[in-house]
Amino acid sequence: MQNVQRSTQLFRVTIRHRSDVTTANRLLFEGRPMNIISCEDVDGRREALVMTTETGVRT
């Protein structure tokens, strides 16, 4: 068995507020799938949703 290491990158993504986006979803940006680690309405006004996303595979 080979030991394979892959790097991950974290991104902060802001979109218009949507109540149906959760950490169970994934984001596709320029053909790259991103896992949503967290998403929150930071100011409580339901105008924007700020997500922390991750690409790659954790080692």
PDB file of N, CA and C in Angstrom:
ATOM      1  N   MET A   1       0.844  -1.172   0.000  1.00  0.00           N
ATOM      2  CA  MET A   1       0.000   0.000   0.000  1.00  0.00           C
ATOM      3  C   MET A   1       0.896   1.245   0.000  1.00  0.00           C
ATOM      4  N   GLN A   2       0.592   2.185  -0.867  1.00  0.00           N
ATOM      5  CA  GLN A   2       1.382   3.407  -0.949  1.00  0.00           C
ATOM      6  C   GLN A   2       0.781   4.484  -0.061  1.00  0.00           C
ATOM      7  N   ASN A   3       1.654   5.308   0.475  1.00  0.00           N
ATOM      8  CA  ASN A   3       1.217   6.431   1.296  1.00  0.00           C
ATOM      9  C   ASN A   3       1.058   7.646   0.384  1.00  0.00           C
ATOM     10  N   VAL A   4      -0.168   8.035   0.108  1.00  0.00           N
ATOM     11  CA  VAL A   4      -0.449   9.155  -0.793  1.00  0.00           C
ATOM     12  C   VAL A   4      -0.849  10.358   0.038  1.00  0.00           C
ATOM     13  N   GLN A   5      -0.213  11.495  -0.233  1.00  0.00           N
ATOM     14  CA  GLN A   5      -0.566  12.728   0.464  1.00  0.00           C
ATOM     15  C   GLN A   5      -1.085  13.728  -0.544  1.00  0.00           C
ATOM     16  N   ARG A   6      -2.156  14.399  -0.199  1.00  0.00           N
ATOM     17  CA  ARG A   6      -2.709  15.450  -1.049  1.00  0.00           C
ATOM     18  C   ARG A   6      -2.942  16.672  -0.187  1.00  0.00           C
ATOM     19  N   SER A   7      -2.757  17.809  -0.785  1.00  0.00           N
ATOM     20  CA  SER A   7      -2.935  19.035  -0.017  1.00  0.00           C
ATOM     21  C   SER A   7      -4.381  19.517  -0.108  1.00  0.00           C
ATOM     22  N   THR A   8      -4.768  20.291   0.859  1.00  0.00           N
ATOM     23  CA  THR A   8      -6.084  20.915   0.854  1.00  0.00           C
ATOM     24  C   THR A   8      -5.900  22.421   0.852  1.00  0.00           C
ATOM     25  N   GLN A   9      -6.898  23.104   0.326  1.00  0.00           N
ATOM     26  CA  GLN A   9      -6.908  24.557   0.368  1.00  0.00           C
ATOM     27  C   GLN A   9      -8.226  24.993   0.957  1.00  0.00           C
ATOM     28  N   LEU A  10      -8.182  26.001   1.792  1.00  0.00           N
ATOM     29  CA  LEU A  10      -9.394  26.574   2.366  1.00  0.00           C
ATOM     30  C   LEU A  10      -9.726  27.873   1.659  1.00  0.00           C
ATOM     31  N   PHE A  11     -11.018  28.098   1.452  1.00  0.00           N
ATOM     32  CA  PHE A  11     -11.509  29.314   0.826  1.00  0.00           C
ATOM     33  C   PHE A  11     -12.652  29.878   1.650  1.00  0.00           C
ATOM     34  N   ARG A  12     -12.793  31.184   1.624  1.00  0.00           N
ATOM     35  CA  ARG A  12     -13.950  31.839   2.214  1.00  0.00           C
ATOM     36  C   ARG A  12     -14.768  32.376   1.051  1.00  0.00           C
ATOM     37  N   VAL A  13     -16.009  31.925   0.955  1.00  0.00           N
ATOM     38  CA  VAL A  13     -16.880  32.258  -0.167  1.00  0.00           C
ATOM     39  C   VAL A  13     -18.126  32.960   0.369  1.00  0.00           C
ATOM     40  N   THR A  14     -18.493  34.062  -0.255  1.00  0.00           N
ATOM     41  CA  THR A  14     -19.704  34.789   0.128  1.00  0.00           C
ATOM     42  C   THR A  14     -20.677  34.770  -1.046  1.00  0.00           C
ATOM     43  N   ILE A  15     -21.916  34.364  -0.767  1.00  0.00           N
ATOM     44  CA  ILE A  15     -22.968  34.348  -1.780  1.00  0.00           C
ATOM     45  C   ILE A  15     -24.202  35.038  -1.222  1.00  0.00           C
ATOM     46  N   ARG A  16     -25.146  35.323  -2.094  1.00  0.00           N
ATOM     47  CA  ARG A  16     -26.440  35.848  -1.637  1.00  0.00           C
ATOM     48  C   ARG A  16     -27.075  34.810  -0.716  1.00  0.00           C
ATOM     49  N   HIS A  17     -27.762  35.265   0.308  1.00  0.00           N
ATOM     50  CA  HIS A  17     -28.322  34.351   1.313  1.00  0.00           C
ATOM     51  C   HIS A  17     -29.267  33.337   0.682  1.00  0.00           C
ATOM     52  N   ARG A  18     -29.094  32.089   1.101  1.00  0.00           N
ATOM     53  CA  ARG A  18     -29.992  30.989   0.730  1.00  0.00           C
ATOM     54  C   ARG A  18     -30.182  30.133   1.975  1.00  0.00           C
ATOM     55  N   SER A  19     -31.411  29.833   2.291  1.00  0.00           N
ATOM     56  CA  SER A  19     -31.679  29.032   3.491  1.00  0.00           C
ATOM     57  C   SER A  19     -31.481  27.540   3.241  1.00  0.00           C
ATOM     58  N   ASP A  20     -31.341  27.126   1.968  1.00  0.00           N
ATOM     59  CA  ASP A  20     -31.224  25.702   1.667  1.00  0.00           C
ATOM     60  C   ASP A  20     -29.782  25.217   1.530  1.00  0.00           C
ATOM     61  N   VAL A  21     -28.788  26.058   1.779  1.00  0.00           N
ATOM     62  CA  VAL A  21     -27.385  25.649   1.697  1.00  0.00           C
ATOM     63  C   VAL A  21     -26.902  25.223   3.080  1.00  0.00           C
ATOM     64  N   THR A  22     -26.338  24.009   3.170  1.00  0.00           N
ATOM     65  CA  THR A  22     -25.828  23.485   4.440  1.00  0.00           C
ATOM     66  C   THR A  22     -24.465  22.838   4.207  1.00  0.00           C
ATOM     67  N   THR A  23     -23.864  22.364   5.257  1.00  0.00           N
ATOM     68  CA  THR A  23     -22.576  21.670   5.143  1.00  0.00           C
ATOM     69  C   THR A  23     -22.717  20.309   4.461  1.00  0.00           C
ATOM     70  N   ALA A  24     -23.936  19.841   4.250  1.00  0.00           N
ATOM     71  CA  ALA A  24     -24.158  18.597   3.508  1.00  0.00           C
ATOM     72  C   ALA A  24     -24.004  18.823   2.002  1.00  0.00           C
ATOM     73  N   ASN A  25     -24.023  20.081   1.559  1.00  0.00           N
ATOM     74  CA  ASN A  25     -23.881  20.422   0.147  1.00  0.00           C
ATOM     75  C   ASN A  25     -22.421  20.568  -0.227  1.00  0.00           C
ATOM     76  N   ARG A  26     -22.184  20.624  -1.544  1.00  0.00           N
ATOM     77  CA  ARG A  26     -20.858  20.939  -2.064  1.00  0.00           C
ATOM     78  C   ARG A  26     -21.008  22.084  -3.051  1.00  0.00           C
ATOM     79  N   LEU A  27     -19.941  22.822  -3.236  1.00  0.00           N
ATOM     80  CA  LEU A  27     -19.907  23.949  -4.140  1.00  0.00           C
ATOM     81  C   LEU A  27     -19.008  23.575  -5.313  1.00  0.00           C
ATOM     82  N   LEU A  28     -19.404  23.928  -6.523  1.00  0.00           N
ATOM     83  CA  LEU A  28     -18.576  23.690  -7.700  1.00  0.00           C
ATOM     84  C   LEU A  28     -18.142  25.046  -8.240  1.00  0.00           C
ATOM     85  N   PHE A  29     -16.832  25.288  -8.248  1.00  0.00           N
ATOM     86  CA  PHE A  29     -16.284  26.558  -8.710  1.00  0.00           C
ATOM     87  C   PHE A  29     -15.197  26.283  -9.736  1.00  0.00           C
ATOM     88  N   GLU A  30     -15.408  26.775 -10.956  1.00  0.00           N
ATOM     89  CA  GLU A  30     -14.461  26.571 -12.051  1.00  0.00           C
ATOM     90  C   GLU A  30     -14.069  25.103 -12.209  1.00  0.00           C
ATOM     91  N   GLY A  31     -15.065  24.225 -12.080  1.00  0.00           N
ATOM     92  CA  GLY A  31     -14.837  22.801 -12.257  1.00  0.00           C
ATOM     93  C   GLY A  31     -14.242  22.085 -11.060  1.00  0.00           C
ATOM     94  N   ARG A  32     -13.978  22.824  -9.984  1.00  0.00           N
ATOM     95  CA  ARG A  32     -13.386  22.221  -8.784  1.00  0.00           C
ATOM     96  C   ARG A  32     -14.451  22.056  -7.702  1.00  0.00           C
ATOM     97  N   PRO A  33     -14.688  20.821  -7.265  1.00  0.00           N
ATOM     98  CA  PRO A  33     -15.654  20.626  -6.176  1.00  0.00           C
ATOM     99  C   PRO A  33     -15.065  21.082  -4.839  1.00  0.00           C
ATOM    100  N   MET A  34     -15.891  21.734  -4.050  1.00  0.00           N
ATOM    101  CA  MET A  34     -15.467  22.215  -2.734  1.00  0.00           C
ATOM    102  C   MET A  34     -16.437  21.703  -1.682  1.00  0.00           C
ATOM    103  N   ASN A  35     -15.897  21.139  -0.625  1.00  0.00           N
ATOM    104  CA  ASN A  35     -16.714  20.737   0.517  1.00  0.00           C
ATOM    105  C   ASN A  35     -16.989  21.968   1.368  1.00  0.00           C
ATOM    106  N   ILE A  36     -18.230  22.117   1.796  1.00  0.00           N
ATOM    107  CA  ILE A  36     -18.591  23.240   2.669  1.00  0.00           C
ATOM    108  C   ILE A  36     -18.359  22.805   4.107  1.00  0.00           C
ATOM    109  N   ILE A  37     -17.439  23.481   4.771  1.00  0.00           N
ATOM    110  CA  ILE A  37     -17.098  23.155   6.152  1.00  0.00           C
ATOM    111  C   ILE A  37     -18.018  23.891   7.122  1.00  0.00           C
ATOM    112  N   SER A  38     -18.308  25.153   6.811  1.00  0.00           N
ATOM    113  CA  SER A  38     -19.236  25.928   7.633  1.00  0.00           C
ATOM    114  C   SER A  38     -19.931  26.949   6.755  1.00  0.00           C
ATOM    115  N   CYS A  39     -21.127  27.337   7.155  1.00  0.00           N
ATOM    116  CA  CYS A  39     -21.847  28.409   6.466  1.00  0.00           C
ATOM    117  C   CYS A  39     -22.696  29.132   7.502  1.00  0.00           C
ATOM    118  N   GLU A  40     -22.659  30.459   7.404  1.00  0.00           N
ATOM    119  CA  GLU A  40     -23.402  31.235   8.390  1.00  0.00           C
ATOM    120  C   GLU A  40     -23.816  32.592   7.846  1.00  0.00           C
ATOM    121  N   ASP A  41     -24.887  33.099   8.407  1.00  0.00           N
ATOM    122  CA  ASP A  41     -25.374  34.445   8.143  1.00  0.00           C
ATOM    123  C   ASP A  41     -24.735  35.327   9.214  1.00  0.00           C
ATOM    124  N   VAL A  42     -23.590  35.920   8.885  1.00  0.00           N
ATOM    125  CA  VAL A  42     -22.764  36.561   9.908  1.00  0.00           C
ATOM    126  C   VAL A  42     -23.388  37.793  10.544  1.00  0.00           C
ATOM    127  N   ASP A  43     -24.206  38.550   9.801  1.00  0.00           N
ATOM    128  CA  ASP A  43     -24.791  39.754  10.401  1.00  0.00           C
ATOM    129  C   ASP A  43     -26.249  39.569  10.798  1.00  0.00           C
ATOM    130  N   GLY A  44     -26.819  38.392  10.522  1.00  0.00           N
ATOM    131  CA  GLY A  44     -28.187  38.100  10.933  1.00  0.00           C
ATOM    132  C   GLY A  44     -29.255  38.773  10.092  1.00  0.00           C
ATOM    133  N   ARG A  45     -28.870  39.403   8.984  1.00  0.00           N
ATOM    134  CA  ARG A  45     -29.845  40.130   8.166  1.00  0.00           C
ATOM    135  C   ARG A  45     -30.337  39.334   6.965  1.00  0.00           C
ATOM    136  N   ARG A  46     -29.875  38.109   6.802  1.00  0.00           N
ATOM    137  CA  ARG A  46     -30.286  37.225   5.715  1.00  0.00           C
ATOM    138  C   ARG A  46     -30.030  37.835   4.337  1.00  0.00           C
ATOM    139  N   GLU A  47     -28.911  38.571   4.222  1.00  0.00           N
ATOM    140  CA  GLU A  47     -28.536  39.145   2.939  1.00  0.00           C
ATOM    141  C   GLU A  47     -27.416  38.353   2.278  1.00  0.00           C
ATOM    142  N   ALA A  48     -26.502  37.825   3.084  1.00  0.00           N
ATOM    143  CA  ALA A  48     -25.355  37.091   2.548  1.00  0.00           C
ATOM    144  C   ALA A  48     -25.094  35.856   3.393  1.00  0.00           C
ATOM    145  N   LEU A  49     -24.492  34.870   2.737  1.00  0.00           N
ATOM    146  CA  LEU A  49     -24.105  33.638   3.403  1.00  0.00           C
ATOM    147  C   LEU A  49     -22.602  33.488   3.217  1.00  0.00           C
ATOM    148  N   VAL A  50     -21.866  33.383   4.316  1.00  0.00           N
ATOM    149  CA  VAL A  50     -20.411  33.235   4.256  1.00  0.00           C
ATOM    150  C   VAL A  50     -20.072  31.779   4.562  1.00  0.00           C
ATOM    151  N   MET A  51     -19.352  31.168   3.615  1.00  0.00           N
ATOM    152  CA  MET A  51     -19.006  29.756   3.751  1.00  0.00           C
ATOM    153  C   MET A  51     -17.498  29.583   3.812  1.00  0.00           C
ATOM    154  N   THR A  52     -17.061  28.668   4.638  1.00  0.00           N
ATOM    155  CA  THR A  52     -15.676  28.206   4.595  1.00  0.00           C
ATOM    156  C   THR A  52     -15.723  26.893   3.823  1.00  0.00           C
ATOM    157  N   THR A  53     -14.925  26.836   2.747  1.00  0.00           N
ATOM    158  CA  THR A  53     -14.919  25.641   1.908  1.00  0.00           C
ATOM    159  C   THR A  53     -13.509  25.074   1.806  1.00  0.00           C
ATOM    160  N   GLU A  54     -13.446  23.828   1.362  1.00  0.00           N
ATOM    161  CA  GLU A  54     -12.168  23.126   1.278  1.00  0.00           C
ATOM    162  C   GLU A  54     -12.106  22.333  -0.023  1.00  0.00           C
ATOM    163  N   THR A  55     -10.957  22.390  -0.691  1.00  0.00           N
ATOM    164  CA  THR A  55     -10.720  21.551  -1.855  1.00  0.00           C
ATOM    165  C   THR A  55      -9.639  20.547  -1.514  1.00  0.00           C
ATOM    166  N   GLY A  56      -9.547  19.488  -2.293  1.00  0.00           N
ATOM    167  CA  GLY A  56      -8.508  18.486  -2.034  1.00  0.00           C
ATOM    168  C   GLY A  56      -8.990  17.452  -1.024  1.00  0.00           C
ATOM    169  N   VAL A  57      -8.049  16.629  -0.616  1.00  0.00           N
ATOM    170  CA  VAL A  57      -8.355  15.533   0.309  1.00  0.00           C
ATOM    171  C   VAL A  57      -7.455  15.644   1.520  1.00  0.00           C
ATOM    172  N   ARG A  58      -8.011  15.529   2.695  1.00  0.00           N
ATOM    173  CA  ARG A  58      -7.199  15.554   3.915  1.00  0.00           C
ATOM    174  C   ARG A  58      -6.353  14.310   4.017  1.00  0.00           C
ATOM    175  N   THR A  59      -5.165  14.462   4.589  1.00  0.00           N
ATOM    176  CA  THR A  59      -4.284  13.306   4.766  1.00  0.00           C
ATOM    177  C   THR A  59      -4.258  12.878   6.217  1.00  0.00           C
TER     178      THR A  59
END
